[in-house]
Protein backbone atom coordinates (compact mmCIF):
# COMPACT_ATOMS: atom_id res chain seq x y z
CA MET A 1 -42.90 5.99 -11.71
CA ALA A 2 -42.36 6.56 -7.93
CA LEU A 3 -38.93 6.42 -6.39
CA ASP A 4 -38.55 4.00 -3.34
CA PHE A 5 -36.40 5.72 -0.80
CA ARG A 6 -36.28 2.76 1.46
CA VAL A 7 -34.02 0.78 -1.20
CA HIS A 8 -31.82 4.13 -1.54
CA ARG A 9 -31.16 4.09 2.10
CA VAL A 10 -30.28 0.53 2.30
CA ALA A 11 -27.73 1.00 -0.77
CA ILE A 12 -26.21 4.05 1.20
CA ALA A 13 -25.77 1.76 4.66
CA THR A 14 -24.25 -1.05 2.54
CA ARG A 15 -21.83 1.25 1.00
CA GLU A 16 -20.87 2.74 4.27
CA GLU A 17 -20.23 -0.81 5.62
CA ARG A 18 -18.14 -1.88 2.64
CA VAL A 19 -14.67 -2.91 3.66
CA PRO A 20 -12.20 -1.57 0.74
CA LEU A 21 -10.53 -4.47 -1.12
CA SER A 22 -7.12 -2.94 -0.15
CA ARG A 23 -7.81 -3.57 3.55
CA ARG A 24 -8.96 -7.23 3.06
CA PRO A 25 -6.46 -9.80 3.97
CA GLU A 26 -7.69 -12.20 1.24
CA TRP A 27 -6.61 -9.67 -1.40
CA CYS A 28 -3.30 -8.59 0.22
CA HIS A 29 -1.34 -10.49 -2.21
CA VAL A 30 -2.87 -8.59 -5.19
CA THR A 31 -1.24 -5.47 -6.56
CA PRO A 32 -3.88 -3.55 -8.04
CA VAL A 33 -3.30 -2.04 -11.67
CA ARG A 34 -4.41 1.59 -12.11
CA GLN A 35 -6.15 2.82 -15.30
CA ASP A 36 -3.83 4.58 -17.59
CA ASP A 37 -5.47 7.17 -19.67
CA GLY A 38 -2.36 8.41 -21.04
CA PRO A 39 -0.68 11.82 -20.33
CA ASN A 40 -3.52 13.87 -21.77
CA PRO A 41 -6.92 12.21 -21.47
CA VAL A 42 -9.58 13.63 -23.70
CA VAL A 43 -12.32 13.37 -21.09
CA PRO A 44 -11.09 12.32 -17.50
CA ILE A 45 -13.88 10.51 -15.81
CA ALA A 46 -14.45 11.12 -12.16
CA TYR A 47 -14.99 7.55 -10.85
CA ARG A 48 -16.25 6.88 -7.26
CA GLU A 49 -13.27 5.84 -5.24
CA GLU A 50 -14.88 2.29 -4.43
CA PHE A 51 -15.38 1.65 -8.34
CA ALA A 52 -11.85 2.72 -9.24
CA GLU A 53 -10.45 0.69 -6.52
CA THR A 54 -12.66 -2.49 -7.69
CA MET A 55 -11.57 -1.98 -11.45
CA ASP A 56 -7.77 -1.63 -10.22
CA TYR A 57 -8.20 -4.98 -8.55
CA PHE A 58 -10.01 -6.59 -11.57
CA ARG A 59 -7.45 -5.42 -13.95
CA ALA A 60 -4.65 -7.16 -11.82
CA VAL A 61 -6.44 -10.31 -12.04
CA PHE A 62 -7.29 -10.14 -15.48
CA LEU A 63 -3.72 -9.18 -16.58
CA ALA A 64 -2.67 -12.09 -14.71
CA ASN A 65 -4.87 -14.35 -16.55
CA GLU A 66 -6.28 -15.80 -13.28
CA ARG A 67 -9.56 -17.31 -13.66
CA SER A 68 -10.07 -19.08 -10.39
CA HIS A 69 -11.02 -18.16 -7.02
CA ALA A 70 -7.00 -17.89 -6.22
CA PRO A 71 -7.11 -14.02 -5.86
CA CYS A 72 -9.55 -14.42 -3.04
CA LYS A 73 -7.24 -16.62 -1.14
CA SER A 74 -3.86 -15.99 0.48
CA PRO A 75 -1.45 -17.93 -1.87
CA PRO A 76 2.02 -19.08 -0.52
CA LYS A 77 3.75 -16.65 -2.84
CA PRO A 78 2.90 -12.89 -3.81
CA PHE A 79 0.59 -12.44 -6.67
CA SER A 80 1.56 -9.71 -8.97
CA SER A 81 0.35 -8.64 -12.40
CA THR A 82 3.54 -7.00 -13.25
CA SER A 83 5.07 -10.15 -14.60
CA ALA A 84 1.87 -11.15 -16.48
CA THR A 85 1.08 -10.42 -20.07
CA ALA A 86 -2.27 -9.51 -21.35
CA PRO A 87 -4.01 -12.32 -23.27
């Protein structure tokens, strides 16, 4: 199976143009939740920065039990997962 390098170039160009969630105004009210592997992870995984950031924001939204488009919009009060409990 031949590898199509045109697709690879498009993927690289898209990645370079990506604006991190932390710099997007619609996500400014969400406090990301970092992955906690404990003090001695058995096998630390070197995630790409953009993946780790996306998952940090996903965790915040999930732990806040948010199931709407609200995290993508600026609410009147701050949105924080620290006061939320896991389902």
